[in-house]
C-alpha atoms as a PDB file:
ATOM      1  CA  MET A   1      -0.057   0.011  -0.012  1.00  0.00           C
ATOM      2  CA  ARG A   2       2.683   2.608   0.934  1.00  0.00           C
ATOM      3  CA  LEU A   3       4.659   1.666  -2.490  1.00  0.00           C
ATOM      4  CA  ALA A   4       1.487   2.304  -4.479  1.00  0.00           C
ATOM      5  CA  ALA A   5       0.895   5.818  -2.319  1.00  0.00           C
ATOM      6  CA  LEU A   6       4.637   6.619  -3.153  1.00  0.00           C
ATOM      7  CA  LEU A   7       4.341   6.045  -6.894  1.00  0.00           C
ATOM      8  CA  LEU A   8       0.907   7.994  -7.058  1.00  0.00           C
ATOM      9  CA  LEU A   9       2.869  10.717  -5.485  1.00  0.00           C
ATOM     10  CA  VAL A  10       5.967  10.600  -7.869  1.00  0.00           C
ATOM     11  CA  GLY A  11       3.654  10.152 -11.055  1.00  0.00           C
ATOM     12  CA  ALA A  12       1.782  13.302 -10.011  1.00  0.00           C
ATOM     13  CA  THR A  13       4.810  15.593  -9.980  1.00  0.00           C
ATOM     14  CA  ASP A  14       5.380  18.020 -12.722  1.00  0.00           C
ATOM     15  CA  ALA A  15       7.567  15.737 -15.522  1.00  0.00           C
ATOM     16  CA  ALA A  16       9.394  19.269 -16.379  1.00  0.00           C
ATOM     17  CA  ALA A  17      10.409  20.754 -13.110  1.00  0.00           C
ATOM     18  CA  SER A  18      13.547  20.529 -11.436  1.00  0.00           C
ATOM     19  CA  SER A  19      13.949  20.369  -7.572  1.00  0.00           C
ATOM     20  CA  ALA A  20      16.709  22.130  -5.541  1.00  0.00           C
ATOM     21  CA  LEU A  21      17.535  23.084  -1.988  1.00  0.00           C
ATOM     22  CA  ALA A  22      16.067  26.539  -1.393  1.00  0.00           C
ATOM     23  CA  MET A  23      19.171  29.074  -1.032  1.00  0.00           C
ATOM     24  CA  ASP A  24      19.035  32.659   0.452  1.00  0.00           C
ATOM     25  CA  VAL A  25      22.016  34.666  -0.220  1.00  0.00           C
ATOM     26  CA  SER A  26      24.110  33.677   2.701  1.00  0.00           C
ATOM     27  CA  ALA A  27      23.894  30.095   1.486  1.00  0.00           C
ATOM     28  CA  LEU A  28      24.341  30.749  -2.127  1.00  0.00           C
ATOM     29  CA  THR A  29      27.697  32.800  -0.957  1.00  0.00           C
ATOM     30  CA  ALA A  30      28.542  29.994   1.166  1.00  0.00           C
ATOM     31  CA  ALA A  31      28.505  27.322  -1.351  1.00  0.00           C
ATOM     32  CA  SER A  32      30.052  29.590  -4.343  1.00  0.00           C
ATOM     33  CA  SER A  33      33.940  29.894  -5.121  1.00  0.00           C
ATOM     34  CA  GLU A  34      33.039  33.010  -6.963  1.00  0.00           C
ATOM     35  CA  VAL A  35      30.384  35.455  -6.872  1.00  0.00           C
ATOM     36  CA  VAL A  36      30.793  38.152  -9.582  1.00  0.00           C
ATOM     37  CA  ARG A  37      28.911  40.904 -11.252  1.00  0.00           C
ATOM     38  CA  ALA A  38      29.671  40.375 -14.740  1.00  0.00           C
ATOM     39  CA  ARG A  39      28.410  41.136 -18.680  1.00  0.00           C
ATOM     40  CA  VAL A  40      27.663  38.132 -21.051  1.00  0.00           C
ATOM     41  CA  ALA A  41      30.066  38.482 -23.777  1.00  0.00           C
ATOM     42  CA  SER A  42      28.838  35.226 -25.590  1.00  0.00           C
ATOM     43  CA  SER A  43      26.555  32.429 -25.477  1.00  0.00           C
ATOM     44  CA  ARG A  44      26.629  29.124 -27.558  1.00  0.00           C
ATOM     45  CA  ALA A  45      25.273  25.673 -27.265  1.00  0.00           C
ATOM     46  CA  GLU A  46      27.489  22.620 -28.068  1.00  0.00           C
ATOM     47  CA  TRP A  47      27.497  18.878 -27.820  1.00  0.00           C
ATOM     48  CA  SER A  48      29.078  17.575 -24.579  1.00  0.00           C
ATOM     49  CA  GLY A  49      32.174  15.594 -24.966  1.00  0.00           C
ATOM     50  CA  ASP A  50      30.016  12.042 -25.143  1.00  0.00           C
ATOM     51  CA  HIS A  51      27.667  13.800 -27.846  1.00  0.00           C
ATOM     52  CA  ARG A  52      24.672  12.752 -25.389  1.00  0.00           C
ATOM     53  CA  ARG A  53      23.634  16.161 -23.887  1.00  0.00           C
ATOM     54  CA  ILE A  54      23.604  20.048 -24.941  1.00  0.00           C
ATOM     55  CA  VAL A  55      25.233  22.473 -23.105  1.00  0.00           C
ATOM     56  CA  THR A  56      25.343  25.906 -23.323  1.00  0.00           C
ATOM     57  CA  ARG A  57      28.929  27.529 -22.778  1.00  0.00           C
ATOM     58  CA  VAL A  58      28.517  31.223 -21.722  1.00  0.00           C
ATOM     59  CA  ASP A  59      31.582  33.623 -21.883  1.00  0.00           C
ATOM     60  CA  LEU A  60      31.497  36.402 -19.032  1.00  0.00           C
ATOM     61  CA  GLU A  61      33.491  39.694 -18.849  1.00  0.00           C
ATOM     62  CA  VAL A  62      33.921  39.810 -14.861  1.00  0.00           C
ATOM     63  CA  LEU A  63      33.275  43.467 -13.999  1.00  0.00           C
ATOM     64  CA  GLU A  64      33.439  43.269 -10.193  1.00  0.00           C
ATOM     65  CA  SER A  65      34.532  39.976  -8.067  1.00  0.00           C
ATOM     66  CA  TRP A  66      32.690  39.942  -4.897  1.00  0.00           C
ATOM     67  CA  LYS A  67      34.223  36.499  -3.510  1.00  0.00           C
ATOM     68  CA  GLY A  68      37.287  34.809  -5.092  1.00  0.00           C
ATOM     69  CA  LEU A  69      39.758  35.610  -7.319  1.00  0.00           C
ATOM     70  CA  ALA A  70      37.792  35.923 -10.764  1.00  0.00           C
ATOM     71  CA  ALA A  71      39.082  38.292 -13.110  1.00  0.00           C
ATOM     72  CA  GLY A  72      39.271  39.160 -16.889  1.00  0.00           C
ATOM     73  CA  ARG A  73      36.801  36.346 -18.445  1.00  0.00           C
ATOM     74  CA  LEU A  74      35.489  33.108 -17.254  1.00  0.00           C
ATOM     75  CA  THR A  75      33.230  30.338 -18.765  1.00  0.00           C
ATOM     76  CA  VAL A  76      29.909  29.182 -17.310  1.00  0.00           C
ATOM     77  CA  LEU A  77      28.654  25.859 -18.653  1.00  0.00           C
ATOM     78  CA  GLN A  78      24.918  25.310 -18.126  1.00  0.00           C
ATOM     79  CA  PRO A  79      22.964  22.364 -19.120  1.00  0.00           C
ATOM     80  CA  GLY A  80      20.440  22.481 -22.160  1.00  0.00           C
ATOM     81  CA  GLY A  81      20.602  24.451 -25.311  1.00  0.00           C
ATOM     82  CA  ALA A  82      19.616  24.204 -28.772  1.00  0.00           C
ATOM     83  CA  ARG A  83      22.061  22.819 -31.359  1.00  0.00           C
ATOM     84  CA  ASP A  84      21.612  20.906 -34.777  1.00  0.00           C
ATOM     85  CA  GLY A  85      17.817  21.263 -34.552  1.00  0.00           C
ATOM     86  CA  LEU A  86      17.549  19.660 -31.434  1.00  0.00           C
ATOM     87  CA  VAL A  87      16.578  21.446 -28.124  1.00  0.00           C
ATOM     88  CA  GLN A  88      17.252  20.230 -24.469  1.00  0.00           C
ATOM     89  CA  GLN A  89      15.474  22.251 -21.998  1.00  0.00           C
ATOM     90  CA  VAL A  90      16.469  21.912 -18.349  1.00  0.00           C
ATOM     91  CA  ALA A  91      14.113  23.302 -16.031  1.00  0.00           C
ATOM     92  CA  GLY A  92      15.308  25.863 -13.513  1.00  0.00           C
ATOM     93  CA  VAL A  93      18.144  26.816 -15.427  1.00  0.00           C
ATOM     94  CA  ALA A  94      18.142  30.779 -16.103  1.00  0.00           C
ATOM     95  CA  PRO A  95      19.071  31.360 -19.680  1.00  0.00           C
ATOM     96  CA  LEU A  96      22.123  34.329 -19.767  1.00  0.00           C
ATOM     97  CA  ALA A  97      21.869  36.625 -23.140  1.00  0.00           C
ATOM     98  CA  PRO A  98      24.584  38.452 -24.378  1.00  0.00           C
ATOM     99  CA  GLY A  99      25.052  41.920 -23.425  1.00  0.00           C
ATOM    100  CA  GLU A 100      22.989  41.333 -20.121  1.00  0.00           C
ATOM    101  CA  GLU A 101      24.532  42.361 -16.788  1.00  0.00           C
ATOM    102  CA  VAL A 102      24.207  39.919 -13.987  1.00  0.00           C
ATOM    103  CA  VAL A 103      25.156  38.740 -10.609  1.00  0.00           C
ATOM    104  CA  LEU A 104      26.365  35.036 -10.351  1.00  0.00           C
ATOM    105  CA  PHE A 105      26.969  32.693  -7.608  1.00  0.00           C
ATOM    106  CA  LEU A 106      29.391  30.045  -9.306  1.00  0.00           C
ATOM    107  CA  ALA A 107      31.191  26.977  -8.285  1.00  0.00           C
ATOM    108  CA  ARG A 108      34.313  25.941 -10.277  1.00  0.00           C
ATOM    109  CA  SER A 109      34.328  22.724 -12.123  1.00  0.00           C
ATOM    110  CA  GLY A 110      37.345  22.122 -13.780  1.00  0.00           C
ATOM    111  CA  PRO A 111      38.580  24.835 -16.337  1.00  0.00           C
ATOM    112  CA  TYR A 112      34.556  25.954 -16.234  1.00  0.00           C
ATOM    113  CA  HIS A 113      31.946  27.459 -13.823  1.00  0.00           C
ATOM    114  CA  ARG A 114      28.235  26.540 -13.148  1.00  0.00           C
ATOM    115  CA  VAL A 115      25.780  28.582 -11.606  1.00  0.00           C
ATOM    116  CA  VAL A 116      25.025  27.400  -7.999  1.00  0.00           C
ATOM    117  CA  GLY A 117      21.316  26.539  -7.069  1.00  0.00           C
ATOM    118  CA  LEU A 118      20.314  26.698 -10.434  1.00  0.00           C
ATOM    119  CA  ALA A 119      18.538  29.851 -11.126  1.00  0.00           C
ATOM    120  CA  GLN A 120      18.827  30.924  -7.615  1.00  0.00           C
ATOM    121  CA  GLY A 121      22.064  31.911  -8.234  1.00  0.00           C
ATOM    122  CA  VAL A 122      21.296  34.309 -10.958  1.00  0.00           C
ATOM    123  CA  TYR A 123      20.400  38.105 -10.492  1.00  0.00           C
ATOM    124  CA  ARG A 124      19.699  40.175 -13.499  1.00  0.00           C
ATOM    125  CA  ILE A 125      20.892  43.889 -12.909  1.00  0.00           C
ATOM    126  CA  SER A 126      18.618  46.762 -13.955  1.00  0.00           C
ATOM    127  CA  ARG A 127      20.381  49.588 -16.388  1.00  0.00           C
ATOM    128  CA  ARG A 128      19.021  52.463 -14.115  1.00  0.00           C
ATOM    129  CA  PRO A 129      21.396  54.626 -12.180  1.00  0.00           C
ATOM    130  CA  ASP A 130      19.983  53.298  -8.944  1.00  0.00           C
ATOM    131  CA  ALA A 131      20.695  49.673 -10.040  1.00  0.00           C
ATOM    132  CA  GLU A 132      18.494  46.974  -8.673  1.00  0.00           C
ATOM    133  CA  ALA A 133      19.217  43.137  -8.849  1.00  0.00           C
ATOM    134  CA  PHE A 134      16.280  41.207  -9.788  1.00  0.00           C
ATOM    135  CA  PRO A 135      16.215  37.382  -8.931  1.00  0.00           C
ATOM    136  CA  ALA A 136      16.119  35.454 -12.051  1.00  0.00           C
ATOM    137  CA  SER A 137      12.805  33.452 -12.684  1.00  0.00           C
ATOM    138  CA  LEU A 138      12.401  29.961 -10.806  1.00  0.00           C
ATOM    139  CA  GLU A 139       9.878  28.746 -13.571  1.00  0.00           C
ATOM    140  CA  GLY A 140      10.044  24.966 -13.609  1.00  0.00           C
ATOM    141  CA  LEU A 141      12.053  25.119 -10.102  1.00  0.00           C
ATOM    142  CA  ASP A 142      10.703  23.309  -7.264  1.00  0.00           C
ATOM    143  CA  LEU A 143      12.345  24.584  -4.287  1.00  0.00           C
ATOM    144  CA  VAL A 144      12.788  22.329  -0.991  1.00  0.00           C
ATOM    145  CA  ALA A 145      13.082  24.143   2.421  1.00  0.00           C
ATOM    146  CA  PRO A 146      16.548  23.142   4.118  1.00  0.00           C
ATOM    147  CA  PRO A 147      16.139  21.203   7.549  1.00  0.00           C
ATOM    148  CA  GLY A 148      14.551  23.164  10.038  1.00  0.00           C
ATOM    149  CA  GLY A 149      14.055  26.179   7.416  1.00  0.00           C
ATOM    150  CA  VAL A 150      11.401  27.545   5.292  1.00  0.00           C
ATOM    151  CA  VAL A 151      11.221  28.908   1.773  1.00  0.00           C
ATOM    152  CA  GLY A 152      11.549  32.669   1.694  1.00  0.00           C
ATOM    153  CA  PRO A 153      10.492  35.133  -0.884  1.00  0.00           C
ATOM    154  CA  ARG A 154      12.911  36.186  -3.525  1.00  0.00           C
ATOM    155  CA  THR A 155      12.802  39.978  -3.963  1.00  0.00           C
ATOM    156  CA  THR A 156      14.287  42.634  -5.808  1.00  0.00           C
ATOM    157  CA  ILE A 157      17.256  44.133  -3.984  1.00  0.00           C
ATOM    158  CA  SER A 158      19.638  47.402  -4.495  1.00  0.00           C
ATOM    159  CA  LEU A 159      22.999  46.218  -5.928  1.00  0.00           C
ATOM    160  CA  ALA A 160      24.776  47.667  -2.938  1.00  0.00           C
ATOM    161  CA  ARG A 161      22.694  45.811  -0.512  1.00  0.00           C
ATOM    162  CA  LEU A 162      23.331  42.391  -2.657  1.00  0.00           C
ATOM    163  CA  ARG A 163      27.008  42.822  -2.686  1.00  0.00           C
ATOM    164  CA  ALA A 164      27.001  43.946   1.243  1.00  0.00           C
ATOM    165  CA  GLN A 165      25.063  40.502   2.000  1.00  0.00           C
ATOM    166  CA  VAL A 166      27.685  38.746  -0.174  1.00  0.00           C
ATOM    167  CA  GLU A 167      30.403  40.385   1.731  1.00  0.00           C
ATOM    168  CA  GLU A 168      28.973  39.492   5.224  1.00  0.00           C
ATOM    169  CA  GLY A 169      28.764  36.062   3.849  1.00  0.00           C
ATOM    170  CA  ARG A 170      32.230  35.386   2.797  1.00  0.00           C
END
């Protein structure tokens, strides 16, 4: 009976969703090797080495390093993308567009980086003089509360306040 209930519960979940542990700025900072304010220089989809998955290689121009020693340019690999007429979409991944300014919470993975917490680790920066950081959409991402915690709201924050929170958590 329990197995049948478990299978029913699993079958009722959205097949197009990803799940991740809910992370606030402090948790994102702790899990990151680098936190950067950057401009997206380019983005291109390519096949993984085993030709089984499509990944998107995003080249960034680092404008400021808030944690870690990132400088100049760095590359982020994100799962999914469109290549050779095929599309692999990964729920919970925030696409990064050339020319866009962002704050990214990153973890080094060999010569590349990955975004920590999927879309949770992406803040888009407004182009206004009083720059604000907008959390990326979490569409397709089911957040799970950490043990003893709750899933809090994600809200727009001033760029200066976001930076201060990262520096507090380093």
